[in-house]
Amino acid sequence: MGRPLTIGRVAAATGCKVQTIRYYEQIGVLPSPDRSEGNQRIYEQTHINRLIFIRHARELGFPLKAIRDLLSLADDPGQSCETADAIARNQLAQVEQRISRLQSLKIELERMVEQCRGGQISDCRVIEVLGDHTLCISDRHDVSH
């Protein structure tokens, strides 16, 4: 048997930070590992697999609530994948909305930059538009959602 899977080795194997692994344990998306006689966490391959799943889902933008639901589904592989499909479709819709907002933002920024031909700040279209939202073609600039 190889060396025990400590939190550092799990972090290196999954690309997750140690603090992130502890956080996932605290919120219950990663089961707490057994502990050694010296009270050190000892992980198993199942922990690594679960962290890889979580990390990939996070990279795809899934919120933790959706990841928790997907993990619950993965833990019961005999059931229908209808719920997992609905979760993924919802995430896709969220991504499509963000893309739409980003496209609107890109158009507005291109317009702002095109209309600013240099000169003095008192005549700067970028500063003018940023100071007066009514000069924008769209009000859909918030890409944080």
N, C-alpha and C. Protein backbone atom coordinates (compact mmCIF):
# COMPACT_ATOMS: atom_id res chain seq x y z
N MET A 1 0.85 -1.19 0.00
CA MET A 1 0.00 0.00 0.00
C MET A 1 0.88 1.23 0.00
N GLY A 2 0.53 2.27 -0.79
CA GLY A 2 1.31 3.49 -0.89
C GLY A 2 1.15 4.38 0.33
N ARG A 3 1.77 5.53 0.24
CA ARG A 3 1.65 6.50 1.33
C ARG A 3 0.20 6.92 1.50
N PRO A 4 -0.18 7.29 2.74
CA PRO A 4 -1.57 7.73 2.95
C PRO A 4 -1.86 9.00 2.16
N LEU A 5 -3.12 9.15 1.79
CA LEU A 5 -3.54 10.34 1.05
C LEU A 5 -3.84 11.45 2.05
N THR A 6 -2.87 12.30 2.26
CA THR A 6 -3.05 13.44 3.15
C THR A 6 -3.72 14.56 2.38
N ILE A 7 -4.16 15.57 3.08
CA ILE A 7 -4.84 16.70 2.42
C ILE A 7 -3.92 17.38 1.41
N GLY A 8 -2.65 17.45 1.69
CA GLY A 8 -1.71 18.05 0.74
C GLY A 8 -1.60 17.25 -0.54
N ARG A 9 -1.54 15.93 -0.42
CA ARG A 9 -1.47 15.07 -1.61
C ARG A 9 -2.77 15.14 -2.41
N VAL A 10 -3.90 15.22 -1.70
CA VAL A 10 -5.20 15.32 -2.38
C VAL A 10 -5.28 16.67 -3.10
N ALA A 11 -4.81 17.72 -2.45
CA ALA A 11 -4.81 19.05 -3.08
C ALA A 11 -3.98 19.03 -4.36
N ALA A 12 -2.81 18.42 -4.28
CA ALA A 12 -1.93 18.35 -5.46
C ALA A 12 -2.57 17.51 -6.57
N ALA A 13 -3.22 16.42 -6.19
CA ALA A 13 -3.82 15.52 -7.18
C ALA A 13 -5.04 16.12 -7.87
N THR A 14 -5.74 17.02 -7.19
CA THR A 14 -7.00 17.55 -7.73
C THR A 14 -6.90 18.99 -8.21
N GLY A 15 -5.83 19.68 -7.83
CA GLY A 15 -5.72 21.09 -8.18
C GLY A 15 -6.56 21.98 -7.28
N CYS A 16 -7.08 21.44 -6.19
CA CYS A 16 -7.86 22.22 -5.23
C CYS A 16 -6.94 22.69 -4.11
N LYS A 17 -7.21 23.86 -3.61
CA LYS A 17 -6.45 24.35 -2.47
C LYS A 17 -6.89 23.62 -1.21
N VAL A 18 -5.97 23.51 -0.26
CA VAL A 18 -6.27 22.86 1.01
C VAL A 18 -7.47 23.52 1.68
N GLN A 19 -7.51 24.86 1.68
CA GLN A 19 -8.63 25.57 2.30
C GLN A 19 -9.95 25.22 1.62
N THR A 20 -9.92 25.04 0.31
CA THR A 20 -11.13 24.70 -0.44
C THR A 20 -11.61 23.30 -0.05
N ILE A 21 -10.68 22.38 0.09
CA ILE A 21 -11.05 21.02 0.49
C ILE A 21 -11.70 21.06 1.87
N ARG A 22 -11.12 21.79 2.79
CA ARG A 22 -11.71 21.90 4.13
C ARG A 22 -13.09 22.54 4.07
N TYR A 23 -13.22 23.56 3.23
CA TYR A 23 -14.53 24.23 3.07
C TYR A 23 -15.57 23.24 2.55
N TYR A 24 -15.22 22.45 1.53
CA TYR A 24 -16.15 21.48 0.99
C TYR A 24 -16.56 20.45 2.04
N GLU A 25 -15.63 20.10 2.92
CA GLU A 25 -15.97 19.21 4.03
C GLU A 25 -16.96 19.90 4.97
N GLN A 26 -16.70 21.15 5.29
CA GLN A 26 -17.56 21.90 6.23
C GLN A 26 -18.99 22.03 5.72
N ILE A 27 -19.15 22.26 4.43
CA ILE A 27 -20.50 22.45 3.89
C ILE A 27 -21.16 21.14 3.48
N GLY A 28 -20.41 20.04 3.61
CA GLY A 28 -21.00 18.73 3.39
C GLY A 28 -21.01 18.20 1.98
N VAL A 29 -20.33 18.85 1.04
CA VAL A 29 -20.28 18.28 -0.32
C VAL A 29 -19.16 17.25 -0.45
N LEU A 30 -18.23 17.26 0.50
CA LEU A 30 -17.16 16.27 0.54
C LEU A 30 -17.23 15.61 1.92
N PRO A 31 -17.39 14.28 1.96
CA PRO A 31 -17.46 13.62 3.27
C PRO A 31 -16.15 13.81 4.04
N SER A 32 -16.28 13.95 5.33
CA SER A 32 -15.09 14.07 6.17
C SER A 32 -14.33 12.75 6.13
N PRO A 33 -13.02 12.82 5.95
CA PRO A 33 -12.23 11.58 5.90
C PRO A 33 -11.99 11.03 7.31
N ASP A 34 -11.56 9.78 7.34
CA ASP A 34 -11.12 9.21 8.60
C ASP A 34 -9.86 9.94 9.04
N ARG A 35 -9.52 9.75 10.29
CA ARG A 35 -8.32 10.41 10.83
C ARG A 35 -7.34 9.35 11.31
N SER A 36 -6.08 9.68 11.23
CA SER A 36 -5.02 8.80 11.72
C SER A 36 -4.96 8.88 13.24
N GLU A 37 -4.12 8.06 13.82
CA GLU A 37 -3.94 8.10 15.27
C GLU A 37 -3.44 9.48 15.71
N GLY A 38 -2.71 10.14 14.85
CA GLY A 38 -2.21 11.48 15.13
C GLY A 38 -3.22 12.57 14.75
N ASN A 39 -4.46 12.19 14.46
CA ASN A 39 -5.55 13.10 14.11
C ASN A 39 -5.38 13.78 12.75
N GLN A 40 -4.57 13.19 11.88
CA GLN A 40 -4.39 13.74 10.53
C GLN A 40 -5.46 13.15 9.61
N ARG A 41 -6.03 14.00 8.76
CA ARG A 41 -7.03 13.51 7.80
C ARG A 41 -6.36 12.50 6.86
N ILE A 42 -7.05 11.39 6.63
CA ILE A 42 -6.56 10.38 5.70
C ILE A 42 -7.65 10.17 4.64
N TYR A 43 -7.35 10.59 3.43
CA TYR A 43 -8.31 10.55 2.33
C TYR A 43 -8.20 9.25 1.54
N GLU A 44 -9.25 8.98 0.78
CA GLU A 44 -9.30 7.81 -0.10
C GLU A 44 -9.50 8.29 -1.53
N GLN A 45 -9.37 7.38 -2.46
CA GLN A 45 -9.56 7.72 -3.88
C GLN A 45 -10.95 8.28 -4.13
N THR A 46 -11.94 7.84 -3.37
CA THR A 46 -13.31 8.36 -3.56
C THR A 46 -13.36 9.87 -3.27
N HIS A 47 -12.56 10.34 -2.33
CA HIS A 47 -12.50 11.78 -2.05
C HIS A 47 -11.92 12.52 -3.26
N ILE A 48 -10.87 11.97 -3.83
CA ILE A 48 -10.26 12.58 -5.01
C ILE A 48 -11.26 12.63 -6.15
N ASN A 49 -11.94 11.52 -6.39
CA ASN A 49 -12.93 11.47 -7.48
C ASN A 49 -14.02 12.52 -7.28
N ARG A 50 -14.49 12.65 -6.05
CA ARG A 50 -15.54 13.61 -5.75
C ARG A 50 -15.04 15.05 -5.93
N LEU A 51 -13.82 15.32 -5.50
CA LEU A 51 -13.24 16.66 -5.68
C LEU A 51 -13.06 16.99 -7.15
N ILE A 52 -12.66 16.02 -7.94
CA ILE A 52 -12.52 16.25 -9.39
C ILE A 52 -13.88 16.59 -9.99
N PHE A 53 -14.91 15.86 -9.56
CA PHE A 53 -16.29 16.14 -10.01
C PHE A 53 -16.68 17.57 -9.64
N ILE A 54 -16.47 17.93 -8.38
CA ILE A 54 -16.84 19.27 -7.89
C ILE A 54 -16.09 20.34 -8.67
N ARG A 55 -14.79 20.14 -8.82
CA ARG A 55 -13.97 21.15 -9.51
C ARG A 55 -14.43 21.31 -10.96
N HIS A 56 -14.70 20.22 -11.63
CA HIS A 56 -15.14 20.31 -13.02
C HIS A 56 -16.49 21.04 -13.11
N ALA A 57 -17.40 20.70 -12.19
CA ALA A 57 -18.70 21.37 -12.17
C ALA A 57 -18.54 22.86 -11.90
N ARG A 58 -17.63 23.24 -11.00
CA ARG A 58 -17.38 24.66 -10.71
C ARG A 58 -16.81 25.35 -11.95
N GLU A 59 -15.90 24.68 -12.66
CA GLU A 59 -15.33 25.25 -13.89
C GLU A 59 -16.42 25.51 -14.93
N LEU A 60 -17.46 24.69 -14.92
CA LEU A 60 -18.58 24.88 -15.85
C LEU A 60 -19.60 25.88 -15.32
N GLY A 61 -19.31 26.46 -14.15
CA GLY A 61 -20.14 27.52 -13.61
C GLY A 61 -21.29 27.09 -12.73
N PHE A 62 -21.41 25.80 -12.45
CA PHE A 62 -22.50 25.35 -11.60
C PHE A 62 -22.36 25.94 -10.21
N PRO A 63 -23.46 26.45 -9.64
CA PRO A 63 -23.41 26.92 -8.25
C PRO A 63 -23.33 25.72 -7.30
N LEU A 64 -22.90 25.98 -6.08
CA LEU A 64 -22.74 24.89 -5.11
C LEU A 64 -24.04 24.13 -4.85
N LYS A 65 -25.17 24.81 -4.85
CA LYS A 65 -26.46 24.13 -4.63
C LYS A 65 -26.69 23.09 -5.73
N ALA A 66 -26.43 23.46 -6.96
CA ALA A 66 -26.61 22.53 -8.08
C ALA A 66 -25.61 21.38 -7.97
N ILE A 67 -24.38 21.69 -7.56
CA ILE A 67 -23.37 20.64 -7.42
C ILE A 67 -23.78 19.67 -6.32
N ARG A 68 -24.29 20.20 -5.23
CA ARG A 68 -24.77 19.34 -4.14
C ARG A 68 -25.86 18.40 -4.68
N ASP A 69 -26.80 18.93 -5.46
CA ASP A 69 -27.88 18.12 -6.03
C ASP A 69 -27.33 17.08 -7.00
N LEU A 70 -26.37 17.48 -7.83
CA LEU A 70 -25.77 16.54 -8.79
C LEU A 70 -25.01 15.43 -8.07
N LEU A 71 -24.31 15.78 -7.01
CA LEU A 71 -23.59 14.77 -6.23
C LEU A 71 -24.57 13.79 -5.60
N SER A 72 -25.68 14.31 -5.12
CA SER A 72 -26.71 13.44 -4.52
C SER A 72 -27.23 12.46 -5.57
N LEU A 73 -27.42 12.97 -6.78
CA LEU A 73 -27.87 12.10 -7.87
C LEU A 73 -26.80 11.06 -8.21
N ALA A 74 -25.55 11.50 -8.26
CA ALA A 74 -24.45 10.59 -8.58
C ALA A 74 -24.30 9.50 -7.53
N ASP A 75 -24.68 9.81 -6.31
CA ASP A 75 -24.59 8.82 -5.22
C ASP A 75 -25.68 7.76 -5.32
N ASP A 76 -26.66 7.96 -6.20
CA ASP A 76 -27.75 7.00 -6.39
C ASP A 76 -27.89 6.73 -7.89
N PRO A 77 -26.95 5.98 -8.46
CA PRO A 77 -26.87 5.84 -9.93
C PRO A 77 -28.02 5.10 -10.60
N GLY A 78 -28.90 4.47 -9.85
CA GLY A 78 -29.99 3.72 -10.46
C GLY A 78 -31.18 4.56 -10.86
N GLN A 79 -31.20 5.82 -10.47
CA GLN A 79 -32.37 6.65 -10.76
C GLN A 79 -32.28 7.30 -12.15
N SER A 80 -33.37 7.89 -12.57
CA SER A 80 -33.45 8.58 -13.86
C SER A 80 -32.51 9.79 -13.86
N CYS A 81 -32.01 10.12 -15.02
CA CYS A 81 -31.13 11.29 -15.12
C CYS A 81 -31.91 12.56 -15.46
N GLU A 82 -33.22 12.50 -15.37
CA GLU A 82 -34.07 13.65 -15.70
C GLU A 82 -33.72 14.88 -14.86
N THR A 83 -33.49 14.70 -13.58
CA THR A 83 -33.16 15.83 -12.71
C THR A 83 -31.79 16.41 -13.06
N ALA A 84 -30.82 15.54 -13.33
CA ALA A 84 -29.49 16.01 -13.72
C ALA A 84 -29.58 16.80 -15.02
N ASP A 85 -30.39 16.31 -15.95
CA ASP A 85 -30.58 17.01 -17.22
C ASP A 85 -31.20 18.38 -16.99
N ALA A 86 -32.18 18.47 -16.10
CA ALA A 86 -32.83 19.75 -15.80
C ALA A 86 -31.84 20.73 -15.17
N ILE A 87 -30.99 20.23 -14.29
CA ILE A 87 -29.97 21.08 -13.67
C ILE A 87 -29.01 21.61 -14.72
N ALA A 88 -28.58 20.75 -15.63
CA ALA A 88 -27.66 21.17 -16.69
C ALA A 88 -28.34 22.15 -17.65
N ARG A 89 -29.60 21.92 -17.97
CA ARG A 89 -30.33 22.84 -18.85
C ARG A 89 -30.47 24.22 -18.20
N ASN A 90 -30.71 24.24 -16.91
CA ASN A 90 -30.79 25.51 -16.19
C ASN A 90 -29.44 26.24 -16.24
N GLN A 91 -28.37 25.49 -16.04
CA GLN A 91 -27.04 26.10 -16.11
C GLN A 91 -26.76 26.64 -17.50
N LEU A 92 -27.14 25.91 -18.52
CA LEU A 92 -26.98 26.36 -19.90
C LEU A 92 -27.74 27.66 -20.12
N ALA A 93 -28.97 27.75 -19.61
CA ALA A 93 -29.76 28.98 -19.76
C ALA A 93 -29.06 30.15 -19.08
N GLN A 94 -28.48 29.91 -17.90
CA GLN A 94 -27.75 30.96 -17.19
C GLN A 94 -26.54 31.42 -18.00
N VAL A 95 -25.83 30.48 -18.60
CA VAL A 95 -24.66 30.81 -19.42
C VAL A 95 -25.10 31.62 -20.65
N GLU A 96 -26.18 31.21 -21.27
CA GLU A 96 -26.68 31.93 -22.45
C GLU A 96 -27.06 33.36 -22.08
N GLN A 97 -27.66 33.56 -20.90
CA GLN A 97 -28.01 34.92 -20.46
C GLN A 97 -26.75 35.76 -20.24
N ARG A 98 -25.72 35.15 -19.62
CA ARG A 98 -24.46 35.89 -19.41
C ARG A 98 -23.80 36.23 -20.74
N ILE A 99 -23.84 35.30 -21.69
CA ILE A 99 -23.27 35.57 -23.02
C ILE A 99 -23.99 36.75 -23.66
N SER A 100 -25.31 36.77 -23.57
CA SER A 100 -26.09 37.86 -24.14
C SER A 100 -25.69 39.20 -23.51
N ARG A 101 -25.56 39.20 -22.17
CA ARG A 101 -25.14 40.44 -21.50
C ARG A 101 -23.72 40.84 -21.91
N LEU A 102 -22.84 39.86 -22.06
CA LEU A 102 -21.47 40.16 -22.48
C LEU A 102 -21.44 40.70 -23.92
N GLN A 103 -22.27 40.15 -24.79
CA GLN A 103 -22.33 40.66 -26.16
C GLN A 103 -22.81 42.10 -26.18
N SER A 104 -23.80 42.42 -25.36
CA SER A 104 -24.29 43.78 -25.25
C SER A 104 -23.20 44.70 -24.72
N LEU A 105 -22.49 44.22 -23.73
CA LEU A 105 -21.38 44.99 -23.15
C LEU A 105 -20.30 45.24 -24.21
N LYS A 106 -19.97 44.24 -24.98
CA LYS A 106 -18.94 44.37 -26.03
C LYS A 106 -19.35 45.43 -27.06
N ILE A 107 -20.60 45.38 -27.48
CA ILE A 107 -21.09 46.35 -28.47
C ILE A 107 -20.98 47.77 -27.90
N GLU A 108 -21.39 47.94 -26.65
CA GLU A 108 -21.34 49.26 -26.03
C GLU A 108 -19.91 49.76 -25.90
N LEU A 109 -19.01 48.89 -25.47
CA LEU A 109 -17.61 49.29 -25.33
C LEU A 109 -16.98 49.62 -26.69
N GLU A 110 -17.29 48.83 -27.70
CA GLU A 110 -16.79 49.12 -29.04
C GLU A 110 -17.28 50.48 -29.52
N ARG A 111 -18.55 50.75 -29.28
CA ARG A 111 -19.14 52.03 -29.68
C ARG A 111 -18.47 53.19 -28.95
N MET A 112 -18.26 53.00 -27.64
CA MET A 112 -17.63 54.04 -26.83
C MET A 112 -16.22 54.34 -27.33
N VAL A 113 -15.46 53.27 -27.57
CA VAL A 113 -14.08 53.43 -28.02
C VAL A 113 -14.05 54.06 -29.41
N GLU A 114 -14.94 53.64 -30.29
CA GLU A 114 -14.99 54.18 -31.65
C GLU A 114 -15.30 55.67 -31.63
N GLN A 115 -16.19 56.08 -30.74
CA GLN A 115 -16.60 57.48 -30.70
C GLN A 115 -15.59 58.38 -29.99
N CYS A 116 -14.66 57.77 -29.27
CA CYS A 116 -13.63 58.56 -28.58
C CYS A 116 -12.42 58.65 -29.51
N ARG A 117 -12.17 59.81 -30.02
CA ARG A 117 -11.10 59.99 -31.01
C ARG A 117 -9.87 60.68 -30.42
N GLY A 118 -9.70 60.58 -29.13
CA GLY A 118 -8.55 61.26 -28.52
C GLY A 118 -8.95 62.67 -28.14
N GLY A 119 -8.00 63.49 -27.91
CA GLY A 119 -8.29 64.86 -27.51
C GLY A 119 -8.26 64.99 -26.00
N GLN A 120 -9.07 65.90 -25.49
CA GLN A 120 -9.06 66.17 -24.06
C GLN A 120 -10.17 65.40 -23.35
N ILE A 121 -9.95 65.19 -22.06
CA ILE A 121 -10.94 64.48 -21.25
C ILE A 121 -12.28 65.20 -21.28
N SER A 122 -12.28 66.50 -21.36
CA SER A 122 -13.54 67.25 -21.39
C SER A 122 -14.40 66.87 -22.60
N ASP A 123 -13.79 66.32 -23.64
CA ASP A 123 -14.51 65.89 -24.84
C ASP A 123 -14.51 64.36 -25.01
N CYS A 124 -14.09 63.65 -23.99
CA CYS A 124 -13.91 62.19 -24.10
C CYS A 124 -15.24 61.46 -24.03
N ARG A 125 -15.56 60.73 -25.07
CA ARG A 125 -16.83 60.00 -25.14
C ARG A 125 -16.89 58.88 -24.09
N VAL A 126 -15.77 58.25 -23.82
CA VAL A 126 -15.74 57.18 -22.81
C VAL A 126 -16.19 57.73 -21.46
N ILE A 127 -15.59 58.84 -21.04
CA ILE A 127 -15.93 59.46 -19.76
C ILE A 127 -17.39 59.93 -19.78
N GLU A 128 -17.81 60.50 -20.90
CA GLU A 128 -19.18 61.00 -21.03
C GLU A 128 -20.21 59.88 -20.88
N VAL A 129 -20.00 58.79 -21.58
CA VAL A 129 -20.95 57.67 -21.54
C VAL A 129 -20.96 57.02 -20.16
N LEU A 130 -19.78 56.86 -19.56
CA LEU A 130 -19.73 56.25 -18.23
C LEU A 130 -20.43 57.13 -17.20
N GLY A 131 -20.45 58.41 -17.42
CA GLY A 131 -21.12 59.33 -16.51
C GLY A 131 -22.60 59.50 -16.76
N ASP A 132 -23.09 59.04 -17.91
CA ASP A 132 -24.49 59.22 -18.25
C ASP A 132 -25.01 57.96 -18.95
N HIS A 133 -25.62 57.10 -18.18
CA HIS A 133 -26.08 55.81 -18.70
C HIS A 133 -27.10 55.95 -19.83
N THR A 134 -27.78 57.09 -19.91
CA THR A 134 -28.78 57.27 -20.97
C THR A 134 -28.14 57.34 -22.35
N LEU A 135 -26.82 57.55 -22.40
CA LEU A 135 -26.12 57.60 -23.68
C LEU A 135 -25.79 56.20 -24.22
N CYS A 136 -26.04 55.17 -23.44
CA CYS A 136 -25.79 53.79 -23.87
C CYS A 136 -26.92 53.31 -24.77
N ILE A 137 -26.59 52.38 -25.64
CA ILE A 137 -27.63 51.80 -26.49
C ILE A 137 -28.44 50.77 -25.71
N SER A 138 -27.84 50.19 -24.72
CA SER A 138 -28.50 49.13 -23.95
C SER A 138 -28.28 49.37 -22.46
N ASP A 139 -29.21 48.86 -21.68
CA ASP A 139 -29.03 48.95 -20.23
C ASP A 139 -28.61 47.60 -19.65
N ARG A 140 -28.23 46.66 -20.51
CA ARG A 140 -27.89 45.31 -20.08
C ARG A 140 -26.38 45.13 -19.99
N HIS A 141 -25.76 45.73 -18.99
CA HIS A 141 -24.32 45.63 -18.85
C HIS A 141 -23.85 44.77 -17.68
N ASP A 142 -24.75 44.44 -16.79
CA ASP A 142 -24.33 43.69 -15.60
C ASP A 142 -24.08 42.23 -15.96
N VAL A 143 -22.81 41.82 -15.95
CA VAL A 143 -22.46 40.45 -16.29
C VAL A 143 -22.15 39.62 -15.06
N SER A 144 -22.40 40.16 -13.88
CA SER A 144 -22.06 39.43 -12.65
C SER A 144 -23.06 38.34 -12.32
N HIS A 145 -24.19 38.27 -12.99
CA HIS A 145 -25.19 37.25 -12.66
C HIS A 145 -25.13 36.12 -13.64
